[in-house]
Amino acid sequence: GLIEENVKQQAEINDLERQNEALLKDKED
C-alpha cells in the first residue's frame, strides 16, 4: 500500500512539475 501511494504521489508530482514548467513558459510567452 505504501509503495502504491508513493507511485501515485510521484506521478502526481511529475504531472504538476510538467504543468508548472509549461505554464511558466506560457506565462512568459
PDB file of all heavy atoms in Angstrom:
ATOM      1  N   GLY A   1       0.821  -1.212   0.000  1.00  0.00           N
ATOM      2  CA  GLY A   1       0.000   0.000   0.000  1.00  0.00           C
ATOM      3  C   GLY A   1       0.854   1.261   0.000  1.00  0.00           C
ATOM      4  O   GLY A   1       0.538   2.232  -0.697  1.00  0.00           O
ATOM      5  N   LEU A   2       1.931   1.257   0.761  1.00  0.00           N
ATOM      6  CA  LEU A   2       2.820   2.416   0.796  1.00  0.00           C
ATOM      7  C   LEU A   2       3.530   2.616  -0.544  1.00  0.00           C
ATOM      8  O   LEU A   2       3.692   3.754  -1.001  1.00  0.00           O
ATOM      9  CB  LEU A   2       3.856   2.255   1.915  1.00  0.00           C
ATOM     10  CG  LEU A   2       3.317   2.365   3.349  1.00  0.00           C
ATOM     11  CD1 LEU A   2       4.410   2.057   4.353  1.00  0.00           C
ATOM     12  CD2 LEU A   2       2.721   3.733   3.595  1.00  0.00           C
ATOM     13  N   ILE A   3       3.931   1.529  -1.173  1.00  0.00           N
ATOM     14  CA  ILE A   3       4.582   1.641  -2.486  1.00  0.00           C
ATOM     15  C   ILE A   3       3.602   2.196  -3.503  1.00  0.00           C
ATOM     16  O   ILE A   3       3.950   3.074  -4.306  1.00  0.00           O
ATOM     17  CB  ILE A   3       5.153   0.280  -2.930  1.00  0.00           C
ATOM     18  CG1 ILE A   3       6.363  -0.067  -2.085  1.00  0.00           C
ATOM     19  CG2 ILE A   3       5.522   0.294  -4.409  1.00  0.00           C
ATOM     20  CD1 ILE A   3       6.943  -1.435  -2.361  1.00  0.00           C
ATOM     21  N   GLU A   4       2.370   1.699  -3.487  1.00  0.00           N
ATOM     22  CA  GLU A   4       1.360   2.197  -4.427  1.00  0.00           C
ATOM     23  C   GLU A   4       1.099   3.683  -4.211  1.00  0.00           C
ATOM     24  O   GLU A   4       1.021   4.466  -5.163  1.00  0.00           O
ATOM     25  CB  GLU A   4       0.066   1.414  -4.256  1.00  0.00           C
ATOM     26  CG  GLU A   4      -1.033   1.866  -5.182  1.00  0.00           C
ATOM     27  CD  GLU A   4      -2.324   1.123  -4.953  1.00  0.00           C
ATOM     28  OE1 GLU A   4      -2.313   0.074  -4.306  1.00  0.00           O
ATOM     29  OE2 GLU A   4      -3.362   1.627  -5.417  1.00  0.00           O
ATOM     30  N   GLU A   5       0.973   4.089  -2.955  1.00  0.00           N
ATOM     31  CA  GLU A   5       0.755   5.501  -2.646  1.00  0.00           C
ATOM     32  C   GLU A   5       1.941   6.344  -3.104  1.00  0.00           C
ATOM     33  O   GLU A   5       1.765   7.440  -3.656  1.00  0.00           O
ATOM     34  CB  GLU A   5       0.543   5.660  -1.143  1.00  0.00           C
ATOM     35  CG  GLU A   5       0.243   7.071  -0.715  1.00  0.00           C
ATOM     36  CD  GLU A   5       0.040   7.188   0.790  1.00  0.00           C
ATOM     37  OE1 GLU A   5      -0.113   6.165   1.471  1.00  0.00           O
ATOM     38  OE2 GLU A   5       0.041   8.328   1.280  1.00  0.00           O
ATOM     39  N   ASN A   6       3.155   5.820  -2.919  1.00  0.00           N
ATOM     40  CA  ASN A   6       4.350   6.527  -3.350  1.00  0.00           C
ATOM     41  C   ASN A   6       4.365   6.704  -4.865  1.00  0.00           C
ATOM     42  O   ASN A   6       4.698   7.774  -5.374  1.00  0.00           O
ATOM     43  CB  ASN A   6       5.592   5.770  -2.894  1.00  0.00           C
ATOM     44  CG  ASN A   6       6.873   6.532  -3.159  1.00  0.00           C
ATOM     45  OD1 ASN A   6       6.843   7.700  -3.503  1.00  0.00           O
ATOM     46  ND2 ASN A   6       7.990   5.856  -3.006  1.00  0.00           N
ATOM     47  N   VAL A   7       3.988   5.657  -5.606  1.00  0.00           N
ATOM     48  CA  VAL A   7       3.966   5.738  -7.069  1.00  0.00           C
ATOM     49  C   VAL A   7       2.927   6.756  -7.527  1.00  0.00           C
ATOM     50  O   VAL A   7       3.183   7.564  -8.430  1.00  0.00           O
ATOM     51  CB  VAL A   7       3.700   4.347  -7.680  1.00  0.00           C
ATOM     52  CG1 VAL A   7       3.362   4.441  -9.152  1.00  0.00           C
ATOM     53  CG2 VAL A   7       4.896   3.445  -7.476  1.00  0.00           C
ATOM     54  N   LYS A   8       1.743   6.743  -6.900  1.00  0.00           N
ATOM     55  CA  LYS A   8       0.704   7.710  -7.248  1.00  0.00           C
ATOM     56  C   LYS A   8       1.171   9.133  -6.988  1.00  0.00           C
ATOM     57  O   LYS A   8       0.982  10.030  -7.818  1.00  0.00           O
ATOM     58  CB  LYS A   8      -0.578   7.443  -6.450  1.00  0.00           C
ATOM     59  CG  LYS A   8      -1.387   6.274  -6.927  1.00  0.00           C
ATOM     60  CD  LYS A   8      -2.636   6.125  -6.084  1.00  0.00           C
ATOM     61  CE  LYS A   8      -3.439   4.921  -6.470  1.00  0.00           C
ATOM     62  NZ  LYS A   8      -4.622   4.748  -5.613  1.00  0.00           N
ATOM     63  N   GLN A   9       1.776   9.352  -5.837  1.00  0.00           N
ATOM     64  CA  GLN A   9       2.226  10.691  -5.494  1.00  0.00           C
ATOM     65  C   GLN A   9       3.366  11.138  -6.404  1.00  0.00           C
ATOM     66  O   GLN A   9       3.429  12.309  -6.792  1.00  0.00           O
ATOM     67  CB  GLN A   9       2.650  10.752  -4.027  1.00  0.00           C
ATOM     68  CG  GLN A   9       1.475  10.670  -3.071  1.00  0.00           C
ATOM     69  CD  GLN A   9       1.901  10.655  -1.613  1.00  0.00           C
ATOM     70  OE1 GLN A   9       3.070  10.495  -1.294  1.00  0.00           O
ATOM     71  NE2 GLN A   9       0.927  10.807  -0.731  1.00  0.00           N
ATOM     72  N   GLN A  10       4.252  10.207  -6.775  1.00  0.00           N
ATOM     73  CA  GLN A  10       5.346  10.553  -7.686  1.00  0.00           C
ATOM     74  C   GLN A  10       4.792  10.919  -9.053  1.00  0.00           C
ATOM     75  O   GLN A  10       5.269  11.872  -9.681  1.00  0.00           O
ATOM     76  CB  GLN A  10       6.330   9.382  -7.803  1.00  0.00           C
ATOM     77  CG  GLN A  10       7.594   9.743  -8.536  1.00  0.00           C
ATOM     78  CD  GLN A  10       8.407  10.785  -7.805  1.00  0.00           C
ATOM     79  OE1 GLN A  10       8.472  10.810  -6.590  1.00  0.00           O
ATOM     80  NE2 GLN A  10       9.035  11.662  -8.546  1.00  0.00           N
ATOM     81  N   ALA A  11       3.771  10.197  -9.513  1.00  0.00           N
ATOM     82  CA  ALA A  11       3.144  10.517 -10.802  1.00  0.00           C
ATOM     83  C   ALA A  11       2.472  11.883 -10.737  1.00  0.00           C
ATOM     84  O   ALA A  11       2.571  12.684 -11.682  1.00  0.00           O
ATOM     85  CB  ALA A  11       2.122   9.451 -11.171  1.00  0.00           C
ATOM     86  N   GLU A  12       1.816  12.161  -9.631  1.00  0.00           N
ATOM     87  CA  GLU A  12       1.166  13.459  -9.469  1.00  0.00           C
ATOM     88  C   GLU A  12       2.200  14.587  -9.420  1.00  0.00           C
ATOM     89  O   GLU A  12       2.000  15.647 -10.020  1.00  0.00           O
ATOM     90  CB  GLU A  12       0.321  13.458  -8.195  1.00  0.00           C
ATOM     91  CG  GLU A  12      -0.495  14.702  -8.004  1.00  0.00           C
ATOM     92  CD  GLU A  12      -1.380  14.641  -6.768  1.00  0.00           C
ATOM     93  OE1 GLU A  12      -1.569  13.556  -6.202  1.00  0.00           O
ATOM     94  OE2 GLU A  12      -1.879  15.696  -6.377  1.00  0.00           O
ATOM     95  N   ILE A  13       3.310  14.344  -8.746  1.00  0.00           N
ATOM     96  CA  ILE A  13       4.378  15.343  -8.681  1.00  0.00           C
ATOM     97  C   ILE A  13       4.942  15.601 -10.072  1.00  0.00           C
ATOM     98  O   ILE A  13       5.158  16.756 -10.464  1.00  0.00           O
ATOM     99  CB  ILE A  13       5.493  14.899  -7.707  1.00  0.00           C
ATOM    100  CG1 ILE A  13       5.000  15.004  -6.261  1.00  0.00           C
ATOM    101  CG2 ILE A  13       6.762  15.710  -7.899  1.00  0.00           C
ATOM    102  CD1 ILE A  13       5.931  14.378  -5.246  1.00  0.00           C
ATOM    103  N   ASN A  14       5.168  14.525 -10.846  1.00  0.00           N
ATOM    104  CA  ASN A  14       5.688  14.688 -12.205  1.00  0.00           C
ATOM    105  C   ASN A  14       4.717  15.484 -13.064  1.00  0.00           C
ATOM    106  O   ASN A  14       5.125  16.367 -13.823  1.00  0.00           O
ATOM    107  CB  ASN A  14       5.961  13.332 -12.846  1.00  0.00           C
ATOM    108  CG  ASN A  14       7.152  12.639 -12.223  1.00  0.00           C
ATOM    109  OD1 ASN A  14       7.986  13.268 -11.597  1.00  0.00           O
ATOM    110  ND2 ASN A  14       7.214  11.329 -12.380  1.00  0.00           N
ATOM    111  N   ASP A  15       3.416  15.173 -12.952  1.00  0.00           N
ATOM    112  CA  ASP A  15       2.409  15.915 -13.713  1.00  0.00           C
ATOM    113  C   ASP A  15       2.413  17.391 -13.331  1.00  0.00           C
ATOM    114  O   ASP A  15       2.363  18.267 -14.199  1.00  0.00           O
ATOM    115  CB  ASP A  15       1.010  15.340 -13.477  1.00  0.00           C
ATOM    116  CG  ASP A  15       0.797  14.027 -14.197  1.00  0.00           C
ATOM    117  OD1 ASP A  15       1.569  13.730 -15.128  1.00  0.00           O
ATOM    118  OD2 ASP A  15      -0.158  13.321 -13.833  1.00  0.00           O
ATOM    119  N   LEU A  16       2.454  17.657 -12.033  1.00  0.00           N
ATOM    120  CA  LEU A  16       2.428  19.041 -11.578  1.00  0.00           C
ATOM    121  C   LEU A  16       3.695  19.800 -11.982  1.00  0.00           C
ATOM    122  O   LEU A  16       3.625  20.984 -12.321  1.00  0.00           O
ATOM    123  CB  LEU A  16       2.227  19.091 -10.064  1.00  0.00           C
ATOM    124  CG  LEU A  16       0.849  18.641  -9.570  1.00  0.00           C
ATOM    125  CD1 LEU A  16       0.816  18.604  -8.047  1.00  0.00           C
ATOM    126  CD2 LEU A  16      -0.243  19.538 -10.112  1.00  0.00           C
ATOM    127  N   GLU A  17       4.839  19.124 -11.948  1.00  0.00           N
ATOM    128  CA  GLU A  17       6.074  19.781 -12.373  1.00  0.00           C
ATOM    129  C   GLU A  17       6.029  20.113 -13.861  1.00  0.00           C
ATOM    130  O   GLU A  17       6.405  21.212 -14.272  1.00  0.00           O
ATOM    131  CB  GLU A  17       7.280  18.889 -12.071  1.00  0.00           C
ATOM    132  CG  GLU A  17       7.655  18.864 -10.606  1.00  0.00           C
ATOM    133  CD  GLU A  17       8.807  17.924 -10.319  1.00  0.00           C
ATOM    134  OE1 GLU A  17       9.220  17.154 -11.227  1.00  0.00           O
ATOM    135  OE2 GLU A  17       9.296  17.949  -9.182  1.00  0.00           O
ATOM    136  N   ARG A  18       5.558  19.150 -14.679  1.00  0.00           N
ATOM    137  CA  ARG A  18       5.441  19.414 -16.120  1.00  0.00           C
ATOM    138  C   ARG A  18       4.449  20.543 -16.379  1.00  0.00           C
ATOM    139  O   ARG A  18       4.694  21.429 -17.200  1.00  0.00           O
ATOM    140  CB  ARG A  18       4.978  18.150 -16.845  1.00  0.00           C
ATOM    141  CG  ARG A  18       6.057  17.123 -17.006  1.00  0.00           C
ATOM    142  CD  ARG A  18       5.571  15.991 -17.899  1.00  0.00           C
ATOM    143  NE  ARG A  18       6.082  14.752 -17.344  1.00  0.00           N
ATOM    144  CZ  ARG A  18       5.367  13.714 -16.992  1.00  0.00           C
ATOM    145  NH1 ARG A  18       4.072  13.705 -17.165  1.00  0.00           N
ATOM    146  NH2 ARG A  18       5.934  12.654 -16.488  1.00  0.00           N
ATOM    147  N   GLN A  19       3.334  20.491 -15.667  1.00  0.00           N
ATOM    148  CA  GLN A  19       2.312  21.525 -15.845  1.00  0.00           C
ATOM    149  C   GLN A  19       2.860  22.876 -15.402  1.00  0.00           C
ATOM    150  O   GLN A  19       2.625  23.887 -16.072  1.00  0.00           O
ATOM    151  CB  GLN A  19       1.066  21.154 -15.038  1.00  0.00           C
ATOM    152  CG  GLN A  19      -0.078  22.116 -15.202  1.00  0.00           C
ATOM    153  CD  GLN A  19      -1.292  21.673 -14.398  1.00  0.00           C
ATOM    154  OE1 GLN A  19      -1.272  20.667 -13.716  1.00  0.00           O
ATOM    155  NE2 GLN A  19      -2.339  22.455 -14.475  1.00  0.00           N
ATOM    156  N   ASN A  20       3.584  22.900 -14.309  1.00  0.00           N
ATOM    157  CA  ASN A  20       4.157  24.147 -13.804  1.00  0.00           C
ATOM    158  C   ASN A  20       5.159  24.718 -14.803  1.00  0.00           C
ATOM    159  O   ASN A  20       5.149  25.923 -15.084  1.00  0.00           O
ATOM    160  CB  ASN A  20       4.814  23.908 -12.453  1.00  0.00           C
ATOM    161  CG  ASN A  20       5.237  25.189 -11.787  1.00  0.00           C
ATOM    162  OD1 ASN A  20       4.709  26.259 -12.077  1.00  0.00           O
ATOM    163  ND2 ASN A  20       6.206  25.098 -10.890  1.00  0.00           N
ATOM    164  N   GLU A  21       6.034  23.853 -15.339  1.00  0.00           N
ATOM    165  CA  GLU A  21       7.012  24.328 -16.314  1.00  0.00           C
ATOM    166  C   GLU A  21       6.323  24.870 -17.563  1.00  0.00           C
ATOM    167  O   GLU A  21       6.694  25.924 -18.087  1.00  0.00           O
ATOM    168  CB  GLU A  21       7.955  23.195 -16.701  1.00  0.00           C
ATOM    169  CG  GLU A  21       8.925  22.807 -15.605  1.00  0.00           C
ATOM    170  CD  GLU A  21       9.740  21.588 -15.973  1.00  0.00           C
ATOM    171  OE1 GLU A  21       9.670  21.139 -17.135  1.00  0.00           O
ATOM    172  OE2 GLU A  21      10.445  21.084 -15.097  1.00  0.00           O
ATOM    173  N   ALA A  22       5.311  24.149 -18.022  1.00  0.00           N
ATOM    174  CA  ALA A  22       4.598  24.592 -19.225  1.00  0.00           C
ATOM    175  C   ALA A  22       3.862  25.899 -18.979  1.00  0.00           C
ATOM    176  O   ALA A  22       3.852  26.793 -19.836  1.00  0.00           O
ATOM    177  CB  ALA A  22       3.617  23.513 -19.682  1.00  0.00           C
ATOM    178  N   LEU A  23       3.253  26.023 -17.811  1.00  0.00           N
ATOM    179  CA  LEU A  23       2.516  27.243 -17.508  1.00  0.00           C
ATOM    180  C   LEU A  23       3.453  28.435 -17.303  1.00  0.00           C
ATOM    181  O   LEU A  23       3.121  29.558 -17.687  1.00  0.00           O
ATOM    182  CB  LEU A  23       1.622  27.033 -16.290  1.00  0.00           C
ATOM    183  CG  LEU A  23       0.450  26.070 -16.500  1.00  0.00           C
ATOM    184  CD1 LEU A  23      -0.302  25.858 -15.199  1.00  0.00           C
ATOM    185  CD2 LEU A  23      -0.478  26.576 -17.578  1.00  0.00           C
ATOM    186  N   LEU A  24       4.614  28.202 -16.692  1.00  0.00           N
ATOM    187  CA  LEU A  24       5.579  29.290 -16.548  1.00  0.00           C
ATOM    188  C   LEU A  24       6.098  29.740 -17.911  1.00  0.00           C
ATOM    189  O   LEU A  24       6.234  30.941 -18.165  1.00  0.00           O
ATOM    190  CB  LEU A  24       6.750  28.854 -15.663  1.00  0.00           C
ATOM    191  CG  LEU A  24       6.448  28.735 -14.163  1.00  0.00           C
ATOM    192  CD1 LEU A  24       7.658  28.178 -13.434  1.00  0.00           C
ATOM    193  CD2 LEU A  24       6.029  30.074 -13.588  1.00  0.00           C
ATOM    194  N   LYS A  25       6.368  28.771 -18.771  1.00  0.00           N
ATOM    195  CA  LYS A  25       6.798  29.122 -20.119  1.00  0.00           C
ATOM    196  C   LYS A  25       5.686  29.855 -20.857  1.00  0.00           C
ATOM    197  O   LYS A  25       5.935  30.842 -21.550  1.00  0.00           O
ATOM    198  CB  LYS A  25       7.190  27.857 -20.880  1.00  0.00           C
ATOM    199  CG  LYS A  25       7.693  28.126 -22.265  1.00  0.00           C
ATOM    200  CD  LYS A  25       8.076  26.848 -22.964  1.00  0.00           C
ATOM    201  CE  LYS A  25       8.502  27.162 -24.383  1.00  0.00           C
ATOM    202  NZ  LYS A  25       8.751  25.944 -25.151  1.00  0.00           N
ATOM    203  N   ASP A  26       4.458  29.398 -20.683  1.00  0.00           N
ATOM    204  CA  ASP A  26       3.321  30.049 -21.321  1.00  0.00           C
ATOM    205  C   ASP A  26       3.126  31.460 -20.788  1.00  0.00           C
ATOM    206  O   ASP A  26       2.795  32.378 -21.543  1.00  0.00           O
ATOM    207  CB  ASP A  26       2.057  29.221 -21.095  1.00  0.00           C
ATOM    208  CG  ASP A  26       0.854  29.829 -21.770  1.00  0.00           C
ATOM    209  OD1 ASP A  26       0.979  30.189 -22.967  1.00  0.00           O
ATOM    210  OD2 ASP A  26      -0.193  29.965 -21.102  1.00  0.00           O
ATOM    211  N   LYS A  27       3.349  31.647 -19.488  1.00  0.00           N
ATOM    212  CA  LYS A  27       3.199  32.986 -18.910  1.00  0.00           C
ATOM    213  C   LYS A  27       4.231  33.944 -19.490  1.00  0.00           C
ATOM    214  O   LYS A  27       3.923  35.100 -19.782  1.00  0.00           O
ATOM    215  CB  LYS A  27       3.329  32.909 -17.389  1.00  0.00           C
ATOM    216  CG  LYS A  27       3.097  34.225 -16.695  1.00  0.00           C
ATOM    217  CD  LYS A  27       3.186  34.077 -15.195  1.00  0.00           C
ATOM    218  CE  LYS A  27       2.980  35.411 -14.524  1.00  0.00           C
ATOM    219  NZ  LYS A  27       3.127  35.321 -13.072  1.00  0.00           N
ATOM    220  N   GLU A  28       5.453  33.456 -19.676  1.00  0.00           N
ATOM    221  CA  GLU A  28       6.481  34.295 -20.287  1.00  0.00           C
ATOM    222  C   GLU A  28       6.100  34.653 -21.720  1.00  0.00           C
ATOM    223  O   GLU A  28       6.261  35.801 -22.143  1.00  0.00           O
ATOM    224  CB  GLU A  28       7.826  33.572 -20.264  1.00  0.00           C
ATOM    225  CG  GLU A  28       8.405  33.403 -18.890  1.00  0.00           C
ATOM    226  CD  GLU A  28       9.641  32.521 -18.889  1.00  0.00           C
ATOM    227  OE1 GLU A  28      10.106  32.123 -19.987  1.00  0.00           O
ATOM    228  OE2 GLU A  28      10.146  32.228 -17.799  1.00  0.00           O
ATOM    229  N   ASP A  29       5.601  33.676 -22.447  1.00  0.00           N
ATOM    230  CA  ASP A  29       5.175  33.944 -23.817  1.00  0.00           C
ATOM    231  C   ASP A  29       3.973  34.882 -23.849  1.00  0.00           C
ATOM    232  O   ASP A  29       3.847  35.710 -24.759  1.00  0.00           O
ATOM    233  CB  ASP A  29       4.830  32.642 -24.539  1.00  0.00           C
ATOM    234  CG  ASP A  29       6.054  31.779 -24.762  1.00  0.00           C
ATOM    235  OD1 ASP A  29       7.183  32.310 -24.689  1.00  0.00           O
ATOM    236  OD2 ASP A  29       5.868  30.559 -25.006  1.00  0.00           O
TER     237      ASP A  29
END
